[in-house]
Every structure is written in structure tokens, then in C-alpha cells.
Amino acid sequence: MDKLPLAILKKVEIAIDNLSIEPRPSSCKKLKGSLESLWRIRIGDYRVIIH
């Protein structure tokens, strides 16, 4: 995360903080295949993988 632009980093931090309120937001998607126990949320061109 150290290499992310500051504007994106702030958006990622906000999205992660919001997971404590809504652990599965409507924008999250379940991964497929061997990673099917994981979910992802998209923030611009980046993805945050959640368990």
C-alpha cells in the first residue's frame, strides 16, 4: 500500500473502515475457483480482497 497514490490510499482506507459497518457491501463480489472463500471490492482500478 506504500506505493499507492495518496488519493487512492485514502479511498482504500475509507472502504476498509466501512467494512466494519457493512461487511458485505452491495458492490462486493465473490471470487471463483480456489479463492471462492474470498470476496473483493473495487476501488477505482484497484481491488481489496476480503475474507
C-alpha atoms as a PDB file:
ATOM      1  CA  MET A   1       0.000   0.000   0.000  1.00  0.00           C
ATOM      2  CA  ASP A   2       3.007   2.277   0.388  1.00  0.00           C
ATOM      3  CA  LYS A   3       3.226   2.718  -3.385  1.00  0.00           C
ATOM      4  CA  LEU A   4      -0.397   3.768  -3.893  1.00  0.00           C
ATOM      5  CA  PRO A   5      -1.118   7.396  -4.785  1.00  0.00           C
ATOM      6  CA  LEU A   6      -2.331   9.342  -1.764  1.00  0.00           C
ATOM      7  CA  ALA A   7      -5.826   9.944  -3.199  1.00  0.00           C
ATOM      8  CA  ILE A   8      -6.331   6.214  -3.842  1.00  0.00           C
ATOM      9  CA  LEU A   9      -4.873   5.286  -0.459  1.00  0.00           C
ATOM     10  CA  LYS A  10      -7.444   7.461   1.301  1.00  0.00           C
ATOM     11  CA  LYS A  11     -10.270   5.825  -0.682  1.00  0.00           C
ATOM     12  CA  VAL A  12      -8.939   2.365   0.204  1.00  0.00           C
ATOM     13  CA  GLU A  13      -8.712   3.278   3.893  1.00  0.00           C
ATOM     14  CA  ILE A  14     -12.291   4.590   3.867  1.00  0.00           C
ATOM     15  CA  ALA A  15     -13.541   1.444   2.119  1.00  0.00           C
ATOM     16  CA  ILE A  16     -11.773  -0.789   4.651  1.00  0.00           C
ATOM     17  CA  ASP A  17     -13.173   1.240   7.563  1.00  0.00           C
ATOM     18  CA  ASN A  18     -16.675   0.948   6.086  1.00  0.00           C
ATOM     19  CA  LEU A  19     -16.350  -2.849   6.154  1.00  0.00           C
ATOM     20  CA  SER A  20     -16.786  -2.691   9.937  1.00  0.00           C
ATOM     21  CA  ILE A  21     -20.257  -1.221   9.341  1.00  0.00           C
ATOM     22  CA  GLU A  22     -21.217  -3.263   6.264  1.00  0.00           C
ATOM     23  CA  PRO A  23     -19.018  -6.397   5.930  1.00  0.00           C
ATOM     24  CA  ARG A  24     -20.554  -7.373   2.562  1.00  0.00           C
ATOM     25  CA  PRO A  25     -21.427  -4.143   0.729  1.00  0.00           C
ATOM     26  CA  SER A  26     -23.614  -4.452  -2.349  1.00  0.00           C
ATOM     27  CA  SER A  27     -20.590  -3.721  -4.541  1.00  0.00           C
ATOM     28  CA  CYS A  28     -18.605  -6.736  -3.298  1.00  0.00           C
ATOM     29  CA  LYS A  29     -18.248  -9.826  -5.450  1.00  0.00           C
ATOM     30  CA  LYS A  30     -17.396 -13.389  -4.525  1.00  0.00           C
ATOM     31  CA  LEU A  31     -14.231 -14.768  -6.093  1.00  0.00           C
ATOM     32  CA  LYS A  32     -14.313 -18.010  -8.033  1.00  0.00           C
ATOM     33  CA  GLY A  33     -12.181 -21.130  -8.223  1.00  0.00           C
ATOM     34  CA  SER A  34      -9.694 -21.931  -5.469  1.00  0.00           C
ATOM     35  CA  LEU A  35     -10.340 -18.491  -3.900  1.00  0.00           C
ATOM     36  CA  GLU A  36     -14.094 -18.932  -3.542  1.00  0.00           C
ATOM     37  CA  SER A  37     -13.995 -18.231   0.191  1.00  0.00           C
ATOM     38  CA  LEU A  38     -12.824 -14.673  -0.540  1.00  0.00           C
ATOM     39  CA  TRP A  39     -14.662 -11.536  -1.668  1.00  0.00           C
ATOM     40  CA  ARG A  40     -13.461  -8.379  -3.410  1.00  0.00           C
ATOM     41  CA  ILE A  41     -14.463  -4.768  -3.516  1.00  0.00           C
ATOM     42  CA  ARG A  42     -13.315  -2.461  -6.260  1.00  0.00           C
ATOM     43  CA  ILE A  43     -11.867   0.985  -5.640  1.00  0.00           C
ATOM     44  CA  GLY A  44     -11.072   2.635  -8.948  1.00  0.00           C
ATOM     45  CA  ASP A  45      -8.547   0.438 -10.749  1.00  0.00           C
ATOM     46  CA  TYR A  46      -7.695  -1.410  -7.528  1.00  0.00           C
ATOM     47  CA  ARG A  47      -9.299  -4.335  -5.696  1.00  0.00           C
ATOM     48  CA  VAL A  48      -9.398  -5.054  -1.974  1.00  0.00           C
ATOM     49  CA  ILE A  49      -9.641  -8.750  -1.167  1.00  0.00           C
ATOM     50  CA  ILE A  50     -11.646  -9.556   1.963  1.00  0.00           C
ATOM     51  CA  HIS A  51     -12.259 -12.782   3.856  1.00  0.00           C
END
